[in-house]
Amino acid sequence: MSVALIDYASLPSDERDALGAAVAPLGNLDRVLTWGRGLEAPCGVDDILTLDEYTHDVVMRLAENRYLVFDTS
């Protein structure tokens, strides 16, 4: 399963492409957390938003004023 990056921040194309390639193989939450811990500036879960009993958004701070949100179910 490939994760698609949806860019709501209007990132520069080179940054968007690099981030899209980085998140593409993160098909489950374990991979997301392992990837986040392995970054040069490690990031973890900043918040978990419960949308309903089956769906959650996992929010990770990637950098100052920059977040990634992973939709999980």
PDB file of N, CA and C in Angstrom:
ATOM      1  N   MET A   1       0.839  -1.172   0.000  1.00  0.00           N
ATOM      2  CA  MET A   1       0.000   0.000   0.000  1.00  0.00           C
ATOM      3  C   MET A   1       0.889   1.242   0.000  1.00  0.00           C
ATOM      4  N   SER A   2       0.592   2.158  -0.877  1.00  0.00           N
ATOM      5  CA  SER A   2       1.364   3.384  -0.990  1.00  0.00           C
ATOM      6  C   SER A   2       0.580   4.550  -0.394  1.00  0.00           C
ATOM      7  N   VAL A   3       1.265   5.384   0.365  1.00  0.00           N
ATOM      8  CA  VAL A   3       0.645   6.554   0.979  1.00  0.00           C
ATOM      9  C   VAL A   3       0.815   7.738   0.040  1.00  0.00           C
ATOM     10  N   ALA A   4      -0.278   8.429  -0.258  1.00  0.00           N
ATOM     11  CA  ALA A   4      -0.221   9.604  -1.122  1.00  0.00           C
ATOM     12  C   ALA A   4      -0.105  10.859  -0.265  1.00  0.00           C
ATOM     13  N   LEU A   5       0.788  11.734  -0.636  1.00  0.00           N
ATOM     14  CA  LEU A   5       0.944  13.013   0.046  1.00  0.00           C
ATOM     15  C   LEU A   5      -0.028  14.017  -0.562  1.00  0.00           C
ATOM     16  N   ILE A   6      -0.842  14.619   0.272  1.00  0.00           N
ATOM     17  CA  ILE A   6      -1.717  15.703  -0.150  1.00  0.00           C
ATOM     18  C   ILE A   6      -1.132  16.975   0.443  1.00  0.00           C
ATOM     19  N   ASP A   7      -0.716  17.874  -0.417  1.00  0.00           N
ATOM     20  CA  ASP A   7       0.021  19.072  -0.009  1.00  0.00           C
ATOM     21  C   ASP A   7      -0.927  20.258   0.140  1.00  0.00           C
ATOM     22  N   TYR A   8      -1.301  20.572   1.384  1.00  0.00           N
ATOM     23  CA  TYR A   8      -2.138  21.739   1.654  1.00  0.00           C
ATOM     24  C   TYR A   8      -1.295  22.977   1.956  1.00  0.00           C
ATOM     25  N   ALA A   9       0.022  22.826   2.011  1.00  0.00           N
ATOM     26  CA  ALA A   9       0.912  23.930   2.383  1.00  0.00           C
ATOM     27  C   ALA A   9       1.556  24.602   1.180  1.00  0.00           C
ATOM     28  N   SER A  10       1.266  24.126  -0.020  1.00  0.00           N
ATOM     29  CA  SER A  10       1.875  24.668  -1.239  1.00  0.00           C
ATOM     30  C   SER A  10       3.401  24.662  -1.147  1.00  0.00           C
ATOM     31  N   LEU A  11       3.945  23.495  -0.829  1.00  0.00           N
ATOM     32  CA  LEU A  11       5.391  23.344  -0.719  1.00  0.00           C
ATOM     33  C   LEU A  11       6.057  23.558  -2.071  1.00  0.00           C
ATOM     34  N   PRO A  12       7.321  23.980  -2.070  1.00  0.00           N
ATOM     35  CA  PRO A  12       8.071  24.027  -3.324  1.00  0.00           C
ATOM     36  C   PRO A  12       8.099  22.621  -3.931  1.00  0.00           C
ATOM     37  N   SER A  13       8.070  22.519  -5.231  1.00  0.00           N
ATOM     38  CA  SER A  13       7.930  21.219  -5.886  1.00  0.00           C
ATOM     39  C   SER A  13       9.021  20.227  -5.489  1.00  0.00           C
ATOM     40  N   ASP A  14      10.273  20.669  -5.338  1.00  0.00           N
ATOM     41  CA  ASP A  14      11.334  19.731  -4.960  1.00  0.00           C
ATOM     42  C   ASP A  14      11.125  19.195  -3.548  1.00  0.00           C
ATOM     43  N   GLU A  15      10.676  20.047  -2.635  1.00  0.00           N
ATOM     44  CA  GLU A  15      10.413  19.610  -1.260  1.00  0.00           C
ATOM     45  C   GLU A  15       9.198  18.677  -1.215  1.00  0.00           C
ATOM     46  N   ARG A  16       8.151  19.017  -1.970  1.00  0.00           N
ATOM     47  CA  ARG A  16       6.948  18.184  -2.027  1.00  0.00           C
ATOM     48  C   ARG A  16       7.279  16.804  -2.597  1.00  0.00           C
ATOM     49  N   ASP A  17       8.072  16.767  -3.656  1.00  0.00           N
ATOM     50  CA  ASP A  17       8.433  15.495  -4.275  1.00  0.00           C
ATOM     51  C   ASP A  17       9.255  14.625  -3.326  1.00  0.00           C
ATOM     52  N   ALA A  18      10.209  15.243  -2.620  1.00  0.00           N
ATOM     53  CA  ALA A  18      11.041  14.496  -1.674  1.00  0.00           C
ATOM     54  C   ALA A  18      10.205  13.961  -0.520  1.00  0.00           C
ATOM     55  N   LEU A  19       9.303  14.779   0.015  1.00  0.00           N
ATOM     56  CA  LEU A  19       8.450  14.340   1.115  1.00  0.00           C
ATOM     57  C   LEU A  19       7.476  13.269   0.638  1.00  0.00           C
ATOM     58  N   GLY A  20       6.932  13.434  -0.551  1.00  0.00           N
ATOM     59  CA  GLY A  20       6.037  12.430  -1.115  1.00  0.00           C
ATOM     60  C   GLY A  20       6.724  11.085  -1.272  1.00  0.00           C
ATOM     61  N   ALA A  21       7.970  11.102  -1.730  1.00  0.00           N
ATOM     62  CA  ALA A  21       8.732   9.857  -1.880  1.00  0.00           C
ATOM     63  C   ALA A  21       9.035   9.232  -0.520  1.00  0.00           C
ATOM     64  N   ALA A  22       9.255  10.071   0.495  1.00  0.00           N
ATOM     65  CA  ALA A  22       9.571   9.565   1.836  1.00  0.00           C
ATOM     66  C   ALA A  22       8.364   8.901   2.490  1.00  0.00           C
ATOM     67  N   VAL A  23       7.177   9.457   2.306  1.00  0.00           N
ATOM     68  CA  VAL A  23       6.001   8.902   2.981  1.00  0.00           C
ATOM     69  C   VAL A  23       5.315   7.802   2.180  1.00  0.00           C
ATOM     70  N   ALA A  24       5.600   7.691   0.894  1.00  0.00           N
ATOM     71  CA  ALA A  24       4.923   6.711   0.034  1.00  0.00           C
ATOM     72  C   ALA A  24       4.961   5.280   0.590  1.00  0.00           C
ATOM     73  N   PRO A  25       6.098   4.794   1.100  1.00  0.00           N
ATOM     74  CA  PRO A  25       6.124   3.405   1.576  1.00  0.00           C
ATOM     75  C   PRO A  25       5.587   3.207   3.006  1.00  0.00           C
ATOM     76  N   LEU A  26       5.098   4.257   3.644  1.00  0.00           N
ATOM     77  CA  LEU A  26       4.663   4.159   5.047  1.00  0.00           C
ATOM     78  C   LEU A  26       3.207   3.709   5.120  1.00  0.00           C
ATOM     79  N   GLY A  27       2.971   2.447   4.833  1.00  0.00           N
ATOM     80  CA  GLY A  27       1.614   1.926   4.722  1.00  0.00           C
ATOM     81  C   GLY A  27       0.926   1.567   6.014  1.00  0.00           C
ATOM     82  N   ASN A  28       1.625   1.671   7.138  1.00  0.00           N
ATOM     83  CA  ASN A  28       0.967   1.404   8.422  1.00  0.00           C
ATOM     84  C   ASN A  28       1.596   2.276   9.513  1.00  0.00           C
ATOM     85  N   LEU A  29       0.933   2.320  10.645  1.00  0.00           N
ATOM     86  CA  LEU A  29       1.365   3.218  11.722  1.00  0.00           C
ATOM     87  C   LEU A  29       2.740   2.855  12.263  1.00  0.00           C
ATOM     88  N   ASP A  30       3.066   1.587  12.318  1.00  0.00           N
ATOM     89  CA  ASP A  30       4.389   1.174  12.789  1.00  0.00           C
ATOM     90  C   ASP A  30       5.480   1.755  11.886  1.00  0.00           C
ATOM     91  N   ARG A  31       5.277   1.705  10.596  1.00  0.00           N
ATOM     92  CA  ARG A  31       6.258   2.272   9.656  1.00  0.00           C
ATOM     93  C   ARG A  31       6.361   3.780   9.816  1.00  0.00           C
ATOM     94  N   VAL A  32       5.230   4.441  10.034  1.00  0.00           N
ATOM     95  CA  VAL A  32       5.230   5.893  10.233  1.00  0.00           C
ATOM     96  C   VAL A  32       6.067   6.254  11.455  1.00  0.00           C
ATOM     97  N   LEU A  33       5.834   5.556  12.570  1.00  0.00           N
ATOM     98  CA  LEU A  33       6.554   5.863  13.810  1.00  0.00           C
ATOM     99  C   LEU A  33       8.035   5.555  13.690  1.00  0.00           C
ATOM    100  N   THR A  34       8.377   4.450  13.052  1.00  0.00           N
ATOM    101  CA  THR A  34       9.783   4.097  12.848  1.00  0.00           C
ATOM    102  C   THR A  34      10.470   5.138  11.981  1.00  0.00           C
ATOM    103  N   TRP A  35       9.803   5.572  10.919  1.00  0.00           N
ATOM    104  CA  TRP A  35      10.346   6.594  10.042  1.00  0.00           C
ATOM    105  C   TRP A  35      10.553   7.906  10.816  1.00  0.00           C
ATOM    106  N   GLY A  36       9.576   8.321  11.589  1.00  0.00           N
ATOM    107  CA  GLY A  36       9.671   9.567  12.351  1.00  0.00           C
ATOM    108  C   GLY A  36      10.824   9.558  13.337  1.00  0.00           C
ATOM    109  N   ARG A  37      11.021   8.426  14.021  1.00  0.00           N
ATOM    110  CA  ARG A  37      12.125   8.323  14.985  1.00  0.00           C
ATOM    111  C   ARG A  37      13.482   8.325  14.303  1.00  0.00           C
ATOM    112  N   GLY A  38      13.529   7.924  13.035  1.00  0.00           N
ATOM    113  CA  GLY A  38      14.797   7.833  12.317  1.00  0.00           C
ATOM    114  C   GLY A  38      15.213   9.107  11.603  1.00  0.00           C
ATOM    115  N   LEU A  39      14.397  10.138  11.649  1.00  0.00           N
ATOM    116  CA  LEU A  39      14.743  11.397  10.995  1.00  0.00           C
ATOM    117  C   LEU A  39      15.905  12.082  11.701  1.00  0.00           C
ATOM    118  N   GLU A  40      16.602  12.953  10.991  1.00  0.00           N
ATOM    119  CA  GLU A  40      17.720  13.704  11.571  1.00  0.00           C
ATOM    120  C   GLU A  40      17.277  14.467  12.817  1.00  0.00           C
ATOM    121  N   ALA A  41      16.119  15.096  12.740  1.00  0.00           N
ATOM    122  CA  ALA A  41      15.474  15.705  13.910  1.00  0.00           C
ATOM    123  C   ALA A  41      14.247  14.826  14.187  1.00  0.00           C
ATOM    124  N   PRO A  42      14.407  13.796  15.035  1.00  0.00           N
ATOM    125  CA  PRO A  42      13.331  12.826  15.235  1.00  0.00           C
ATOM    126  C   PRO A  42      12.002  13.494  15.602  1.00  0.00           C
ATOM    127  N   CYS A  43      10.934  12.924  15.091  1.00  0.00           N
ATOM    128  CA  CYS A  43       9.607  13.422  15.447  1.00  0.00           C
ATOM    129  C   CYS A  43       8.736  12.249  15.851  1.00  0.00           C
ATOM    130  N   GLY A  44       7.851  12.513  16.751  1.00  0.00           N
ATOM    131  CA  GLY A  44       6.921  11.504  17.217  1.00  0.00           C
ATOM    132  C   GLY A  44       5.506  12.025  17.070  1.00  0.00           C
ATOM    133  N   VAL A  45       4.599  11.310  17.658  1.00  0.00           N
ATOM    134  CA  VAL A  45       3.192  11.690  17.581  1.00  0.00           C
ATOM    135  C   VAL A  45       2.958  12.916  18.458  1.00  0.00           C
ATOM    136  N   ASP A  46       2.434  13.961  17.861  1.00  0.00           N
ATOM    137  CA  ASP A  46       2.123  15.195  18.575  1.00  0.00           C
ATOM    138  C   ASP A  46       0.705  15.145  19.139  1.00  0.00           C
ATOM    139  N   ASP A  47      -0.197  14.503  18.385  1.00  0.00           N
ATOM    140  CA  ASP A  47      -1.589  14.412  18.819  1.00  0.00           C
ATOM    141  C   ASP A  47      -2.278  13.304  18.032  1.00  0.00           C
ATOM    142  N   ILE A  48      -3.327  12.754  18.591  1.00  0.00           N
ATOM    143  CA  ILE A  48      -4.189  11.797  17.906  1.00  0.00           C
ATOM    144  C   ILE A  48      -5.611  12.322  18.012  1.00  0.00           C
ATOM    145  N   LEU A  49      -6.228  12.556  16.869  1.00  0.00           N
ATOM    146  CA  LEU A  49      -7.583  13.070  16.833  1.00  0.00           C
ATOM    147  C   LEU A  49      -8.531  11.932  16.489  1.00  0.00           C
ATOM    148  N   THR A  50      -9.472  11.656  17.353  1.00  0.00           N
ATOM    149  CA  THR A  50     -10.444  10.603  17.116  1.00  0.00           C
ATOM    150  C   THR A  50     -11.584  11.162  16.280  1.00  0.00           C
ATOM    151  N   LEU A  51     -11.768  10.599  15.097  1.00  0.00           N
ATOM    152  CA  LEU A  51     -12.820  11.063  14.204  1.00  0.00           C
ATOM    153  C   LEU A  51     -14.105  10.262  14.411  1.00  0.00           C
ATOM    154  N   ASP A  52     -13.966   8.977  14.603  1.00  0.00           N
ATOM    155  CA  ASP A  52     -15.070   8.103  14.983  1.00  0.00           C
ATOM    156  C   ASP A  52     -14.450   6.873  15.621  1.00  0.00           C
ATOM    157  N   GLU A  53     -15.225   5.858  15.881  1.00  0.00           N
ATOM    158  CA  GLU A  53     -14.682   4.721  16.615  1.00  0.00           C
ATOM    159  C   GLU A  53     -13.633   3.935  15.832  1.00  0.00           C
ATOM    160  N   TYR A  54     -13.559   4.133  14.532  1.00  0.00           N
ATOM    161  CA  TYR A  54     -12.624   3.380  13.700  1.00  0.00           C
ATOM    162  C   TYR A  54     -11.530   4.230  13.061  1.00  0.00           C
ATOM    163  N   THR A  55     -11.707   5.531  13.015  1.00  0.00           N
ATOM    164  CA  THR A  55     -10.806   6.397  12.259  1.00  0.00           C
ATOM    165  C   THR A  55     -10.158   7.438  13.164  1.00  0.00           C
ATOM    166  N   HIS A  56      -8.844   7.578  13.008  1.00  0.00           N
ATOM    167  CA  HIS A  56      -8.079   8.548  13.781  1.00  0.00           C
ATOM    168  C   HIS A  56      -7.119   9.276  12.860  1.00  0.00           C
ATOM    169  N   ASP A  57      -6.840  10.530  13.149  1.00  0.00           N
ATOM    170  CA  ASP A  57      -5.781  11.272  12.484  1.00  0.00           C
ATOM    171  C   ASP A  57      -4.598  11.338  13.440  1.00  0.00           C
ATOM    172  N   VAL A  58      -3.441  10.915  12.966  1.00  0.00           N
ATOM    173  CA  VAL A  58      -2.211  10.944  13.759  1.00  0.00           C
ATOM    174  C   VAL A  58      -1.400  12.139  13.273  1.00  0.00           C
ATOM    175  N   VAL A  59      -1.162  13.080  14.183  1.00  0.00           N
ATOM    176  CA  VAL A  59      -0.480  14.333  13.854  1.00  0.00           C
ATOM    177  C   VAL A  59       0.968  14.264  14.327  1.00  0.00           C
ATOM    178  N   MET A  60       1.890  14.541  13.414  1.00  0.00           N
ATOM    179  CA  MET A  60       3.319  14.553  13.742  1.00  0.00           C
ATOM    180  C   MET A  60       3.903  15.896  13.337  1.00  0.00           C
ATOM    181  N   ARG A  61       4.673  16.510  14.250  1.00  0.00           N
ATOM    182  CA  ARG A  61       5.363  17.768  13.926  1.00  0.00           C
ATOM    183  C   ARG A  61       6.628  17.402  13.160  1.00  0.00           C
ATOM    184  N   LEU A  62       6.695  17.851  11.932  1.00  0.00           N
ATOM    185  CA  LEU A  62       7.846  17.552  11.087  1.00  0.00           C
ATOM    186  C   LEU A  62       8.942  18.595  11.272  1.00  0.00           C
ATOM    187  N   ALA A  63       8.545  19.847  11.404  1.00  0.00           N
ATOM    188  CA  ALA A  63       9.487  20.949  11.588  1.00  0.00           C
ATOM    189  C   ALA A  63       8.708  22.109  12.193  1.00  0.00           C
ATOM    190  N   GLU A  64       9.397  23.193  12.463  1.00  0.00           N
ATOM    191  CA  GLU A  64       8.729  24.386  12.984  1.00  0.00           C
ATOM    192  C   GLU A  64       7.577  24.772  12.067  1.00  0.00           C
ATOM    193  N   ASN A  65       6.386  24.823  12.614  1.00  0.00           N
ATOM    194  CA  ASN A  65       5.188  25.196  11.859  1.00  0.00           C
ATOM    195  C   ASN A  65       4.875  24.283  10.683  1.00  0.00           C
ATOM    196  N   ARG A  66       5.347  23.039  10.729  1.00  0.00           N
ATOM    197  CA  ARG A  66       5.054  22.081   9.658  1.00  0.00           C
ATOM    198  C   ARG A  66       4.665  20.746  10.279  1.00  0.00           C
ATOM    199  N   TYR A  67       3.495  20.262   9.901  1.00  0.00           N
ATOM    200  CA  TYR A  67       2.963  19.016  10.448  1.00  0.00           C
ATOM    201  C   TYR A  67       2.585  18.059   9.339  1.00  0.00           C
ATOM    202  N   LEU A  68       2.674  16.781   9.648  1.00  0.00           N
ATOM    203  CA  LEU A  68       2.121  15.738   8.792  1.00  0.00           C
ATOM    204  C   LEU A  68       0.953  15.127   9.531  1.00  0.00           C
ATOM    205  N   VAL A  69      -0.125  14.845   8.821  1.00  0.00           N
ATOM    206  CA  VAL A  69      -1.286  14.199   9.417  1.00  0.00           C
ATOM    207  C   VAL A  69      -1.540  12.925   8.635  1.00  0.00           C
ATOM    208  N   PHE A  70      -1.514  11.804   9.349  1.00  0.00           N
ATOM    209  CA  PHE A  70      -1.780  10.504   8.740  1.00  0.00           C
ATOM    210  C   PHE A  70      -3.165  10.048   9.145  1.00  0.00           C
ATOM    211  N   ASP A  71      -3.995   9.746   8.172  1.00  0.00           N
ATOM    212  CA  ASP A  71      -5.336   9.230   8.406  1.00  0.00           C
ATOM    213  C   ASP A  71      -5.230   7.732   8.624  1.00  0.00           C
ATOM    214  N   THR A  72      -5.699   7.247   9.749  1.00  0.00           N
ATOM    215  CA  THR A  72      -5.608   5.819  10.051  1.00  0.00           C
ATOM    216  C   THR A  72      -6.982   5.252  10.352  1.00  0.00           C
ATOM    217  N   SER A  73      -7.150   3.993  10.042  1.00  0.00           N
ATOM    218  CA  SER A  73      -8.402   3.315  10.382  1.00  0.00           C
ATOM    219  C   SER A  73      -8.114   1.868  10.713  1.00  0.00           C
TER     220      SER A  73
END
